[in-house]
PDB file of N, CA and C in Angstrom:
ATOM      1  N   MET A   1      -9.861  11.905 -16.846  1.00  0.00           N
ATOM      2  CA  MET A   1      -8.248  13.081 -16.082  1.00  0.00           C
ATOM      3  C   MET A   1      -8.045  13.507 -17.170  1.00  0.00           C
ATOM      4  N   LYS A   2      -7.385  14.892 -17.376  1.00  0.00           N
ATOM      5  CA  LYS A   2      -6.798  15.207 -18.260  1.00  0.00           C
ATOM      6  C   LYS A   2      -5.173  14.908 -18.431  1.00  0.00           C
ATOM      7  N   LYS A   3      -4.316  14.862 -19.746  1.00  0.00           N
ATOM      8  CA  LYS A   3      -3.066  14.866 -19.289  1.00  0.00           C
ATOM      9  C   LYS A   3      -2.520  15.495 -19.563  1.00  0.00           C
ATOM     10  N   GLY A   4      -0.965  16.541 -18.926  1.00  0.00           N
ATOM     11  CA  GLY A   4      -0.731  18.273 -19.935  1.00  0.00           C
ATOM     12  C   GLY A   4       0.893  17.506 -19.776  1.00  0.00           C
ATOM     13  N   ARG A   5       1.697  17.858 -20.076  1.00  0.00           N
ATOM     14  CA  ARG A   5       2.751  18.303 -20.834  1.00  0.00           C
ATOM     15  C   ARG A   5       3.568  16.751 -19.406  1.00  0.00           C
ATOM     16  N   ASN A   6       3.613  15.493 -20.045  1.00  0.00           N
ATOM     17  CA  ASN A   6       4.465  14.729 -19.453  1.00  0.00           C
ATOM     18  C   ASN A   6       4.124  13.928 -17.766  1.00  0.00           C
ATOM     19  N   LYS A   7       2.539  14.887 -17.751  1.00  0.00           N
ATOM     20  CA  LYS A   7       2.236  14.622 -16.848  1.00  0.00           C
ATOM     21  C   LYS A   7       1.125  14.995 -16.753  1.00  0.00           C
ATOM     22  N   TYR A   8       0.039  14.250 -14.957  1.00  0.00           N
ATOM     23  CA  TYR A   8      -1.244  14.465 -14.836  1.00  0.00           C
ATOM     24  C   TYR A   8      -1.529  15.265 -14.627  1.00  0.00           C
ATOM     25  N   ARG A   9      -2.935  16.378 -14.749  1.00  0.00           N
ATOM     26  CA  ARG A   9      -2.958  17.846 -14.197  1.00  0.00           C
ATOM     27  C   ARG A   9      -4.159  17.573 -13.020  1.00  0.00           C
ATOM     28  N   GLY A  10      -3.920  18.126 -11.790  1.00  0.00           N
ATOM     29  CA  GLY A  10      -4.714  17.619 -10.663  1.00  0.00           C
ATOM     30  C   GLY A  10      -4.050  17.583  -9.598  1.00  0.00           C
ATOM     31  N   SER A  11      -4.368  17.159  -8.939  1.00  0.00           N
ATOM     32  CA  SER A  11      -3.289  17.166  -7.648  1.00  0.00           C
ATOM     33  C   SER A  11      -4.439  16.366  -6.464  1.00  0.00           C
ATOM     34  N   TRP A  12      -3.347  16.059  -5.221  1.00  0.00           N
ATOM     35  CA  TRP A  12      -4.592  15.491  -4.139  1.00  0.00           C
ATOM     36  C   TRP A  12      -3.712  15.599  -2.537  1.00  0.00           C
ATOM     37  N   THR A  13      -4.262  15.552  -1.890  1.00  0.00           N
ATOM     38  CA  THR A  13      -3.787  16.458  -0.489  1.00  0.00           C
ATOM     39  C   THR A  13      -4.359  15.458   0.545  1.00  0.00           C
ATOM     40  N   GLU A  14      -2.409  15.210   1.054  1.00  0.00           N
ATOM     41  CA  GLU A  14      -2.949  14.004   2.439  1.00  0.00           C
ATOM     42  C   GLU A  14      -3.315  14.491   2.796  1.00  0.00           C
ATOM     43  N   PRO A  15      -3.886  14.022   3.918  1.00  0.00           N
ATOM     44  CA  PRO A  15      -4.004  14.803   5.380  1.00  0.00           C
ATOM     45  C   PRO A  15      -3.095  15.120   5.971  1.00  0.00           C
ATOM     46  N   ILE A  16      -2.946  15.338   7.427  1.00  0.00           N
ATOM     47  CA  ILE A  16      -1.930  15.697   8.692  1.00  0.00           C
ATOM     48  C   ILE A  16      -2.074  14.124   9.057  1.00  0.00           C
ATOM     49  N   SER A  17      -0.639  13.478   8.699  1.00  0.00           N
ATOM     50  CA  SER A  17      -0.546  12.685   9.831  1.00  0.00           C
ATOM     51  C   SER A  17      -0.077  12.635  11.052  1.00  0.00           C
ATOM     52  N   LYS A  18      -0.028  11.324  11.578  1.00  0.00           N
ATOM     53  CA  LYS A  18       0.179  11.865  13.273  1.00  0.00           C
ATOM     54  C   LYS A  18       1.885  12.470  13.544  1.00  0.00           C
ATOM     55  N   LYS A  19       2.019  13.417  14.314  1.00  0.00           N
ATOM     56  CA  LYS A  19       3.459  13.351  14.719  1.00  0.00           C
ATOM     57  C   LYS A  19       4.049  12.197  15.607  1.00  0.00           C
ATOM     58  N   ILE A  20       5.422  11.793  15.439  1.00  0.00           N
ATOM     59  CA  ILE A  20       6.118  11.142  15.514  1.00  0.00           C
ATOM     60  C   ILE A  20       7.570  12.217  16.846  1.00  0.00           C
ATOM     61  N   LYS A  21       7.150  12.054  18.169  1.00  0.00           N
ATOM     62  CA  LYS A  21       7.962  12.829  18.876  1.00  0.00           C
ATOM     63  C   LYS A  21       8.848  11.933  19.164  1.00  0.00           C
ATOM     64  N   LEU A  22      10.124  11.855  18.878  1.00  0.00           N
ATOM     65  CA  LEU A  22      11.335  11.330  18.635  1.00  0.00           C
ATOM     66  C   LEU A  22      12.480  12.336  18.153  1.00  0.00           C
ATOM     67  N   PRO A  23      13.700  12.254  18.882  1.00  0.00           N
ATOM     68  CA  PRO A  23      14.806  13.028  18.433  1.00  0.00           C
ATOM     69  C   PRO A  23      15.142  12.341  16.909  1.00  0.00           C
ATOM     70  N   PHE A  24      15.743  13.006  16.722  1.00  0.00           N
ATOM     71  CA  PHE A  24      16.703  12.411  14.880  1.00  0.00           C
ATOM     72  C   PHE A  24      17.892  12.315  14.859  1.00  0.00           C
ATOM     73  N   THR A  25      17.730  10.971  15.982  1.00  0.00           N
ATOM     74  CA  THR A  25      18.744  10.041  15.949  1.00  0.00           C
ATOM     75  C   THR A  25      19.370   8.694  15.108  1.00  0.00           C
ATOM     76  N   ILE A  26      20.190   8.174  15.510  1.00  0.00           N
ATOM     77  CA  ILE A  26      20.208   6.663  14.481  1.00  0.00           C
ATOM     78  C   ILE A  26      18.856   6.076  15.305  1.00  0.00           C
ATOM     79  N   GLN A  27      19.430   5.274  16.553  1.00  0.00           N
ATOM     80  CA  GLN A  27      18.412   4.915  17.735  1.00  0.00           C
ATOM     81  C   GLN A  27      16.957   5.304  17.452  1.00  0.00           C
ATOM     82  N   SER A  28      16.670   6.554  17.022  1.00  0.00           N
ATOM     83  CA  SER A  28      15.134   7.133  16.710  1.00  0.00           C
ATOM     84  C   SER A  28      15.126   6.240  15.301  1.00  0.00           C
ATOM     85  N   MET A  29      15.727   6.623  14.116  1.00  0.00           N
ATOM     86  CA  MET A  29      15.079   6.299  12.981  1.00  0.00           C
ATOM     87  C   MET A  29      15.260   4.257  13.452  1.00  0.00           C
ATOM     88  N   LEU A  30      15.939   3.812  13.990  1.00  0.00           N
ATOM     89  CA  LEU A  30      16.186   2.284  13.902  1.00  0.00           C
ATOM     90  C   LEU A  30      14.691   1.854  14.478  1.00  0.00           C
ATOM     91  N   LYS A  31      14.218   2.880  15.765  1.00  0.00           N
ATOM     92  CA  LYS A  31      13.214   2.609  16.263  1.00  0.00           C
ATOM     93  C   LYS A  31      12.030   2.610  15.099  1.00  0.00           C
ATOM     94  N   VAL A  32      11.873   3.812  14.513  1.00  0.00           N
ATOM     95  CA  VAL A  32      10.522   3.687  13.105  1.00  0.00           C
ATOM     96  C   VAL A  32      10.537   3.189  12.188  1.00  0.00           C
ATOM     97  N   LEU A  33      11.716   3.098  11.908  1.00  0.00           N
ATOM     98  CA  LEU A  33      11.324   1.960  10.519  1.00  0.00           C
ATOM     99  C   LEU A  33      10.831   0.210  11.023  1.00  0.00           C
ATOM    100  N   THR A  34      11.673   0.132  12.277  1.00  0.00           N
ATOM    101  CA  THR A  34      11.352  -1.105  12.407  1.00  0.00           C
ATOM    102  C   THR A  34       9.600  -1.349  12.849  1.00  0.00           C
ATOM    103  N   TRP A  35       8.991  -0.156  13.106  1.00  0.00           N
ATOM    104  CA  TRP A  35       7.781   0.067  13.303  1.00  0.00           C
ATOM    105  C   TRP A  35       7.170  -0.093  12.026  1.00  0.00           C
ATOM    106  N   GLY A  36       8.092   0.074  10.790  1.00  0.00           N
ATOM    107  CA  GLY A  36       7.132   0.147   9.701  1.00  0.00           C
ATOM    108  C   GLY A  36       7.709  -1.337   9.134  1.00  0.00           C
ATOM    109  N   ALA A  37       7.750  -2.110   9.675  1.00  0.00           N
ATOM    110  CA  ALA A  37       8.383  -3.463   9.527  1.00  0.00           C
ATOM    111  C   ALA A  37       7.693  -4.323   9.870  1.00  0.00           C
ATOM    112  N   THR A  38       7.124  -3.877  10.994  1.00  0.00           N
ATOM    113  CA  THR A  38       6.070  -4.931  11.787  1.00  0.00           C
ATOM    114  C   THR A  38       4.516  -3.434  12.270  1.00  0.00           C
ATOM    115  N   PRO A  39       3.932  -3.322  11.133  1.00  0.00           N
ATOM    116  CA  PRO A  39       2.586  -2.490  11.570  1.00  0.00           C
ATOM    117  C   PRO A  39       1.842  -2.931  12.581  1.00  0.00           C
ATOM    118  N   SER A  40       1.622  -4.379  12.332  1.00  0.00           N
ATOM    119  CA  SER A  40       0.968  -5.014  13.411  1.00  0.00           C
ATOM    120  C   SER A  40       1.316  -4.633  14.969  1.00  0.00           C
ATOM    121  N   LYS A  41       2.131  -4.136  14.977  1.00  0.00           N
ATOM    122  CA  LYS A  41       2.913  -3.701  16.445  1.00  0.00           C
ATOM    123  C   LYS A  41       3.317  -2.535  16.501  1.00  0.00           C
ATOM    124  N   SER A  42       3.463  -1.408  15.750  1.00  0.00           N
ATOM    125  CA  SER A  42       3.058  -0.269  15.371  1.00  0.00           C
ATOM    126  C   SER A  42       2.090   0.826  15.925  1.00  0.00           C
ATOM    127  N   PRO A  43       2.512   1.878  16.959  1.00  0.00           N
ATOM    128  CA  PRO A  43       1.264   2.782  17.004  1.00  0.00           C
ATOM    129  C   PRO A  43       1.705   3.692  16.341  1.00  0.00           C
ATOM    130  N   TYR A  44       2.522   3.549  14.898  1.00  0.00           N
ATOM    131  CA  TYR A  44       2.099   4.894  13.815  1.00  0.00           C
ATOM    132  C   TYR A  44       2.023   4.201  12.586  1.00  0.00           C
ATOM    133  N   ASN A  45       1.136   4.730  11.356  1.00  0.00           N
ATOM    134  CA  ASN A  45       1.087   3.998   9.767  1.00  0.00           C
ATOM    135  C   ASN A  45       2.112   4.441   9.265  1.00  0.00           C
ATOM    136  N   HIS A  46       2.755   3.995   8.061  1.00  0.00           N
ATOM    137  CA  HIS A  46       3.232   4.063   6.923  1.00  0.00           C
ATOM    138  C   HIS A  46       3.443   5.675   6.623  1.00  0.00           C
ATOM    139  N   GLN A  47       2.570   6.387   6.989  1.00  0.00           N
ATOM    140  CA  GLN A  47       2.465   7.692   6.420  1.00  0.00           C
ATOM    141  C   GLN A  47       3.087   8.413   7.592  1.00  0.00           C
ATOM    142  N   ASP A  48       2.567   8.447   8.526  1.00  0.00           N
ATOM    143  CA  ASP A  48       3.310   8.735   9.639  1.00  0.00           C
ATOM    144  C   ASP A  48       4.872   8.834   9.805  1.00  0.00           C
ATOM    145  N   ILE A  49       5.457   7.574   9.523  1.00  0.00           N
ATOM    146  CA  ILE A  49       6.514   7.446   9.447  1.00  0.00           C
ATOM    147  C   ILE A  49       6.892   7.395   8.876  1.00  0.00           C
ATOM    148  N   ALA A  50       6.754   7.810   7.154  1.00  0.00           N
ATOM    149  CA  ALA A  50       7.375   8.851   6.000  1.00  0.00           C
ATOM    150  C   ALA A  50       7.671  10.209   6.063  1.00  0.00           C
ATOM    151  N   HIS A  51       6.481  11.247   7.046  1.00  0.00           N
ATOM    152  CA  HIS A  51       6.802  12.368   7.273  1.00  0.00           C
ATOM    153  C   HIS A  51       7.772  12.861   8.085  1.00  0.00           C
ATOM    154  N   TRP A  52       7.669  11.588   9.309  1.00  0.00           N
ATOM    155  CA  TRP A  52       8.858  11.527   9.840  1.00  0.00           C
ATOM    156  C   TRP A  52       9.967  12.054   9.307  1.00  0.00           C
ATOM    157  N   CYS A  53      10.115  10.998   8.569  1.00  0.00           N
ATOM    158  CA  CYS A  53      11.592  10.698   7.769  1.00  0.00           C
ATOM    159  C   CYS A  53      12.049  12.076   6.755  1.00  0.00           C
ATOM    160  N   ASP A  54      10.917  12.539   6.721  1.00  0.00           N
ATOM    161  CA  ASP A  54      10.737  13.562   5.729  1.00  0.00           C
ATOM    162  C   ASP A  54      11.432  14.569   6.277  1.00  0.00           C
ATOM    163  N   ARG A  55      10.870  15.170   8.019  1.00  0.00           N
ATOM    164  CA  ARG A  55      11.607  16.136   8.330  1.00  0.00           C
ATOM    165  C   ARG A  55      12.838  15.994   9.152  1.00  0.00           C
ATOM    166  N   PHE A  56      13.514  14.667   9.407  1.00  0.00           N
ATOM    167  CA  PHE A  56      14.817  13.823   9.500  1.00  0.00           C
ATOM    168  C   PHE A  56      15.665  14.619   8.341  1.00  0.00           C
ATOM    169  N   HIS A  57      14.887  14.182   7.593  1.00  0.00           N
ATOM    170  CA  HIS A  57      15.933  14.521   6.334  1.00  0.00           C
ATOM    171  C   HIS A  57      16.051  15.964   6.127  1.00  0.00           C
ATOM    172  N   ILE A  58      15.191  16.918   6.508  1.00  0.00           N
ATOM    173  CA  ILE A  58      15.041  18.515   6.120  1.00  0.00           C
ATOM    174  C   ILE A  58      15.872  18.813   7.161  1.00  0.00           C
ATOM    175  N   ALA A  59      15.631  18.352   8.350  1.00  0.00           N
ATOM    176  CA  ALA A  59      16.458  18.930   9.681  1.00  0.00           C
ATOM    177  C   ALA A  59      18.046  18.625   9.489  1.00  0.00           C
ATOM    178  N   MET A  60      18.717  17.610   9.199  1.00  0.00           N
ATOM    179  CA  MET A  60      20.165  16.923   9.479  1.00  0.00           C
ATOM    180  C   MET A  60      20.409  17.524   7.761  1.00  0.00           C
ATOM    181  N   PHE A  61      19.814  17.797   7.247  1.00  0.00           N
ATOM    182  CA  PHE A  61      20.130  18.412   5.441  1.00  0.00           C
ATOM    183  C   PHE A  61      21.202  18.929   5.080  1.00  0.00           C
ATOM    184  N   ASN A  62      21.635  19.991   6.453  1.00  0.00           N
ATOM    185  CA  ASN A  62      23.315  20.540   5.833  1.00  0.00           C
ATOM    186  C   ASN A  62      23.840  20.208   7.071  1.00  0.00           C
ATOM    187  N   ILE A  63      24.078  19.461   8.068  1.00  0.00           N
ATOM    188  CA  ILE A  63      24.564  19.072   8.671  1.00  0.00           C
ATOM    189  C   ILE A  63      25.815  18.039   9.042  1.00  0.00           C
ATOM    190  N   ASP A  64      27.035  18.216   9.311  1.00  0.00           N
ATOM    191  CA  ASP A  64      28.192  17.738   8.920  1.00  0.00           C
ATOM    192  C   ASP A  64      28.493  16.584   9.658  1.00  0.00           C
ATOM    193  N   ALA A  65      27.755  15.515   9.408  1.00  0.00           N
ATOM    194  CA  ALA A  65      28.098  14.135  10.227  1.00  0.00           C
ATOM    195  C   ALA A  65      28.917  13.239   9.834  1.00  0.00           C
ATOM    196  N   ASP A  66      29.198  12.125  10.701  1.00  0.00           N
ATOM    197  CA  ASP A  66      29.763  11.083  10.116  1.00  0.00           C
ATOM    198  C   ASP A  66      28.904  10.211   9.535  1.00  0.00           C
ATOM    199  N   SER A  67      30.322   9.423   8.838  1.00  0.00           N
ATOM    200  CA  SER A  67      29.954   8.357   7.962  1.00  0.00           C
ATOM    201  C   SER A  67      27.932   7.710   8.008  1.00  0.00           C
ATOM    202  N   ALA A  68      28.111   7.104   9.367  1.00  0.00           N
ATOM    203  CA  ALA A  68      26.791   6.402   9.681  1.00  0.00           C
ATOM    204  C   ALA A  68      25.570   7.474   9.478  1.00  0.00           C
ATOM    205  N   MET A  69      26.118   8.829  10.418  1.00  0.00           N
ATOM    206  CA  MET A  69      24.743   9.471  10.186  1.00  0.00           C
ATOM    207  C   MET A  69      24.438   9.769   8.267  1.00  0.00           C
ATOM    208  N   ASP A  70      25.507  10.137   7.739  1.00  0.00           N
ATOM    209  CA  ASP A  70      25.552  10.334   6.484  1.00  0.00           C
ATOM    210  C   ASP A  70      24.267   9.270   5.657  1.00  0.00           C
ATOM    211  N   ILE A  71      24.379   8.211   6.066  1.00  0.00           N
ATOM    212  CA  ILE A  71      23.622   6.517   5.482  1.00  0.00           C
ATOM    213  C   ILE A  71      22.416   7.557   5.944  1.00  0.00           C
ATOM    214  N   VAL A  72      22.354   7.259   7.559  1.00  0.00           N
ATOM    215  CA  VAL A  72      21.156   7.474   8.179  1.00  0.00           C
ATOM    216  C   VAL A  72      19.977   8.640   7.560  1.00  0.00           C
ATOM    217  N   ILE A  73      20.816   9.643   7.228  1.00  0.00           N
ATOM    218  CA  ILE A  73      20.124  10.841   6.437  1.00  0.00           C
ATOM    219  C   ILE A  73      19.849  10.064   4.983  1.00  0.00           C
ATOM    220  N   GLY A  74      20.268  10.041   4.200  1.00  0.00           N
ATOM    221  CA  GLY A  74      20.133   9.139   2.871  1.00  0.00           C
ATOM    222  C   GLY A  74      18.827   8.096   3.506  1.00  0.00           C
ATOM    223  N   VAL A  75      18.996   7.306   3.892  1.00  0.00           N
ATOM    224  CA  VAL A  75      17.918   6.568   4.878  1.00  0.00           C
ATOM    225  C   VAL A  75      16.274   7.303   4.530  1.00  0.00           C
ATOM    226  N   ALA A  76      16.257   8.266   5.297  1.00  0.00           N
ATOM    227  CA  ALA A  76      15.349   9.276   5.594  1.00  0.00           C
ATOM    228  C   ALA A  76      14.589   9.313   4.142  1.00  0.00           C
ATOM    229  N   ALA A  77      16.186  10.385   3.253  1.00  0.00           N
ATOM    230  CA  ALA A  77      15.672  10.791   2.069  1.00  0.00           C
ATOM    231  C   ALA A  77      14.705   9.643   0.930  1.00  0.00           C
ATOM    232  N   ASP A  78      15.350   8.744   1.427  1.00  0.00           N
ATOM    233  CA  ASP A  78      14.516   7.632   0.302  1.00  0.00           C
ATOM    234  C   ASP A  78      13.104   6.711   1.026  1.00  0.00           C
ATOM    235  N   VAL A  79      13.096   6.895   2.615  1.00  0.00           N
ATOM    236  CA  VAL A  79      11.751   6.636   3.016  1.00  0.00           C
ATOM    237  C   VAL A  79      10.681   7.745   2.354  1.00  0.00           C
ATOM    238  N   ASP A  80      10.989   9.017   2.664  1.00  0.00           N
ATOM    239  CA  ASP A  80       9.673   9.895   2.413  1.00  0.00           C
ATOM    240  C   ASP A  80       9.549   9.846   0.460  1.00  0.00           C
ATOM    241  N   ALA A  81      10.356   9.660  -0.149  1.00  0.00           N
ATOM    242  CA  ALA A  81      10.840   9.576  -1.990  1.00  0.00           C
ATOM    243  C   ALA A  81      10.155   8.634  -2.166  1.00  0.00           C
ATOM    244  N   GLN A  82      10.119   7.369  -1.649  1.00  0.00           N
ATOM    245  CA  GLN A  82       9.302   6.155  -2.092  1.00  0.00           C
ATOM    246  C   GLN A  82       7.949   5.987  -1.568  1.00  0.00           C
ATOM    247  N   TRP A  83       8.105   6.634  -0.304  1.00  0.00           N
ATOM    248  CA  TRP A  83       6.341   6.996  -0.088  1.00  0.00           C
ATOM    249  C   TRP A  83       5.471   7.824  -1.124  1.00  0.00           C
ATOM    250  N   ASP A  84       6.627   9.178  -2.156  1.00  0.00           N
ATOM    251  CA  ASP A  84       5.487   9.777  -2.763  1.00  0.00           C
ATOM    252  C   ASP A  84       5.362   8.568  -4.174  1.00  0.00           C
ATOM    253  N   MET A  85       6.593   7.906  -4.380  1.00  0.00           N
ATOM    254  CA  MET A  85       6.685   7.391  -6.183  1.00  0.00           C
ATOM    255  C   MET A  85       5.163   6.163  -5.619  1.00  0.00           C
ATOM    256  N   PHE A  86       5.856   5.328  -4.290  1.00  0.00           N
ATOM    257  CA  PHE A  86       4.492   4.308  -4.070  1.00  0.00           C
ATOM    258  C   PHE A  86       2.949   5.136  -4.229  1.00  0.00           C
ATOM    259  N   LEU A  87       2.755   5.828  -3.477  1.00  0.00           N
ATOM    260  CA  LEU A  87       1.253   6.315  -3.629  1.00  0.00           C
ATOM    261  C   LEU A  87       1.133   6.701  -5.214  1.00  0.00           C
ATOM    262  N   ALA A  88       2.577   7.263  -5.960  1.00  0.00           N
ATOM    263  CA  ALA A  88       2.048   7.918  -7.580  1.00  0.00           C
ATOM    264  C   ALA A  88       1.709   6.973  -8.568  1.00  0.00           C
ATOM    265  N   ASN A  89       2.817   5.185  -8.048  1.00  0.00           N
ATOM    266  CA  ASN A  89       2.899   4.457  -9.155  1.00  0.00           C
ATOM    267  C   ASN A  89       1.612   3.597  -8.618  1.00  0.00           C
ATOM    268  N   SER A  90       0.613   3.498  -7.331  1.00  0.00           N
ATOM    269  CA  SER A  90      -0.282   2.895  -6.990  1.00  0.00           C
ATOM    270  C   SER A  90      -1.064   2.825  -7.284  1.00  0.00           C
ATOM    271  N   TYR A  91      -1.809   4.102  -7.520  1.00  0.00           N
ATOM    272  CA  TYR A  91      -3.063   4.643  -7.120  1.00  0.00           C
ATOM    273  C   TYR A  91      -3.200   5.805  -8.150  1.00  0.00           C
ATOM    274  N   ASP A  92      -4.659   6.254  -9.195  1.00  0.00           N
ATOM    275  CA  ASP A  92      -4.919   6.930 -10.006  1.00  0.00           C
ATOM    276  C   ASP A  92      -4.732   8.146  -9.134  1.00  0.00           C
ATOM    277  N   LEU A  93      -5.187   9.802 -10.037  1.00  0.00           N
ATOM    278  CA  LEU A  93      -5.750  10.868  -9.575  1.00  0.00           C
ATOM    279  C   LEU A  93      -6.636  10.769  -8.532  1.00  0.00           C
ATOM    280  N   LYS A  94      -7.903   9.935  -9.289  1.00  0.00           N
ATOM    281  CA  LYS A  94      -8.990   9.800  -8.375  1.00  0.00           C
ATOM    282  C   LYS A  94      -8.918   9.464  -7.467  1.00  0.00           C
ATOM    283  N   GLN A  95      -8.292   8.118  -7.115  1.00  0.00           N
ATOM    284  CA  GLN A  95      -7.950   7.421  -6.163  1.00  0.00           C
ATOM    285  C   GLN A  95      -7.641   8.153  -4.803  1.00  0.00           C
ATOM    286  N   LEU A  96      -6.274   8.389  -5.224  1.00  0.00           N
ATOM    287  CA  LEU A  96      -5.983   9.503  -4.217  1.00  0.00           C
ATOM    288  C   LEU A  96      -6.446  10.415  -3.709  1.00  0.00           C
ATOM    289  N   GLN A  97      -7.519  11.391  -4.971  1.00  0.00           N
ATOM    290  CA  GLN A  97      -7.970  12.286  -4.083  1.00  0.00           C
ATOM    291  C   GLN A  97      -9.406  11.838  -2.921  1.00  0.00           C
ATOM    292  N   GLU A  98      -9.688  10.629  -2.930  1.00  0.00           N
ATOM    293  CA  GLU A  98     -10.637  10.038  -2.041  1.00  0.00           C
ATOM    294  C   GLU A  98      -9.462   9.310  -0.739  1.00  0.00           C
ATOM    295  N   LEU A  99      -8.194   8.684  -0.926  1.00  0.00           N
ATOM    296  CA  LEU A  99      -7.871   7.497  -0.318  1.00  0.00           C
ATOM    297  C   LEU A  99      -7.436   7.945   1.009  1.00  0.00           C
ATOM    298  N   ASP A 100      -7.863   7.468   1.990  1.00  0.00           N
ATOM    299  CA  ASP A 100      -7.226   7.090   3.159  1.00  0.00           C
ATOM    300  C   ASP A 100      -5.876   6.466   3.771  1.00  0.00           C
ATOM    301  N   PHE A 101      -4.766   7.743   3.496  1.00  0.00           N
ATOM    302  CA  PHE A 101      -3.757   7.451   3.569  1.00  0.00           C
ATOM    303  C   PHE A 101      -3.249   6.987   4.905  1.00  0.00           C
ATOM    304  N   SER A 102      -3.618   6.389   5.779  1.00  0.00           N
ATOM    305  CA  SER A 102      -3.214   5.660   7.089  1.00  0.00           C
ATOM    306  C   SER A 102      -3.622   4.605   6.586  1.00  0.00           C
ATOM    307  N   GLU A 103      -4.139   4.394   5.730  1.00  0.00           N
ATOM    308  CA  GLU A 103      -4.251   2.680   5.132  1.00  0.00           C
ATOM    309  C   GLU A 103      -3.319   2.347   4.483  1.00  0.00           C
ATOM    310  N   VAL A 104      -2.532   3.268   3.745  1.00  0.00           N
ATOM    311  CA  VAL A 104      -1.749   2.258   2.810  1.00  0.00           C
ATOM    312  C   VAL A 104      -0.117   2.019   3.622  1.00  0.00           C
ATOM    313  N   GLN A 105      -0.072   0.967   3.193  1.00  0.00           N
ATOM    314  CA  GLN A 105       1.352   0.131   3.444  1.00  0.00           C
ATOM    315  C   GLN A 105       2.176   0.257   2.677  1.00  0.00           C
ATOM    316  N   MET A 106       2.948   0.495   2.136  1.00  0.00           N
ATOM    317  CA  MET A 106       4.424   0.081   1.545  1.00  0.00           C
ATOM    318  C   MET A 106       5.065  -1.081   1.883  1.00  0.00           C
ATOM    319  N   PRO A 107       5.549  -1.968   0.740  1.00  0.00           N
ATOM    320  CA  PRO A 107       5.866  -3.270   1.217  1.00  0.00           C
ATOM    321  C   PRO A 107       7.219  -4.026   2.225  1.00  0.00           C
ATOM    322  N   LEU A 108       6.407  -4.383   3.256  1.00  0.00           N
ATOM    323  CA  LEU A 108       7.716  -4.005   4.043  1.00  0.00           C
ATOM    324  C   LEU A 108       9.176  -4.766   3.673  1.00  0.00           C
ATOM    325  N   GLU A 109       9.220  -5.380   2.419  1.00  0.00           N
ATOM    326  CA  GLU A 109      10.414  -5.397   2.297  1.00  0.00           C
ATOM    327  C   GLU A 109      11.206  -4.320   2.303  1.00  0.00           C
ATOM    328  N   PHE A 110      10.556  -2.731   2.036  1.00  0.00           N
ATOM    329  CA  PHE A 110      11.244  -1.733   1.711  1.00  0.00           C
ATOM    330  C   PHE A 110      11.881  -1.282   3.059  1.00  0.00           C
ATOM    331  N   TYR A 111      11.437  -1.553   3.968  1.00  0.00           N
ATOM    332  CA  TYR A 111      11.372  -1.463   5.654  1.00  0.00           C
ATOM    333  C   TYR A 111      12.873  -2.520   6.067  1.00  0.00           C
ATOM    334  N   GLU A 112      12.560  -3.409   5.806  1.00  0.00           N
ATOM    335  CA  GLU A 112      14.146  -4.616   6.350  1.00  0.00           C
ATOM    336  C   GLU A 112      15.118  -3.806   5.223  1.00  0.00           C
ATOM    337  N   ASP A 113      14.911  -3.738   4.386  1.00  0.00           N
ATOM    338  CA  ASP A 113      15.989  -3.108   3.625  1.00  0.00           C
ATOM    339  C   ASP A 113      16.337  -1.588   4.473  1.00  0.00           C
ATOM    340  N   TRP A 114      15.626  -1.274   4.128  1.00  0.00           N
ATOM    341  CA  TRP A 114      16.594   0.513   5.153  1.00  0.00           C
ATOM    342  C   TRP A 114      16.820  -0.168   6.423  1.00  0.00           C
ATOM    343  N   LEU A 115      16.552  -1.025   7.292  1.00  0.00           N
ATOM    344  CA  LEU A 115      17.423  -1.424   8.407  1.00  0.00           C
ATOM    345  C   LEU A 115      18.683  -2.297   8.535  1.00  0.00           C
ATOM    346  N   LYS A 116      18.613  -3.287   6.896  1.00  0.00           N
ATOM    347  CA  LYS A 116      19.993  -3.493   6.772  1.00  0.00           C
ATOM    348  C   LYS A 116      20.949  -2.599   6.268  1.00  0.00           C
ATOM    349  N   GLN A 117      20.706  -1.142   5.333  1.00  0.00           N
ATOM    350  CA  GLN A 117      21.718  -0.137   4.789  1.00  0.00           C
ATOM    351  C   GLN A 117      22.010   0.230   6.562  1.00  0.00           C
ATOM    352  N   ILE A 118      21.269   0.707   7.480  1.00  0.00           N
ATOM    353  CA  ILE A 118      22.229   1.553   9.059  1.00  0.00           C
ATOM    354  C   ILE A 118      22.668   0.201   9.574  1.00  0.00           C
ATOM    355  N   ALA A 119      22.270  -0.599   9.351  1.00  0.00           N
ATOM    356  CA  ALA A 119      23.473  -1.802  10.322  1.00  0.00           C
ATOM    357  C   ALA A 119      24.144  -2.159   9.753  1.00  0.00           C
ATOM    358  N   GLY A 120      24.334  -2.048   8.323  1.00  0.00           N
ATOM    359  CA  GLY A 120      25.680  -2.012   7.716  1.00  0.00           C
ATOM    360  C   GLY A 120      26.674  -0.887   7.820  1.00  0.00           C
ATOM    361  N   ALA A 121      26.112   0.189   8.480  1.00  0.00           N
ATOM    362  CA  ALA A 121      26.975   1.514   8.505  1.00  0.00           C
ATOM    363  C   ALA A 121      27.874   1.494   9.509  1.00  0.00           C
TER     364      ALA A 121
END
């Protein structure tokens, strides 16, 4: 693996995840995060959830929202960012290029914390 200026050279591509067909609401976010916290009961994996949160964040980015929705939008952005950081910090480039992303699970504590953040909103 070659190193460039402060970063690895090379890339990986995540396969397309299964699309979660829920509206971008607080209730949907709670449902999605609950799935993340209980993966054995979830119809979606953590990759699917992270990508849904990314779409949520992008869709709501320029929306004037109340304080509760602002917290939810921030959580959505954090889920997506933590997914990317978890991948980059947990696997080397060769592993990422061969990885079955549908099998990757972030720590369940992340989801429990995000649920608490929204419950406190």
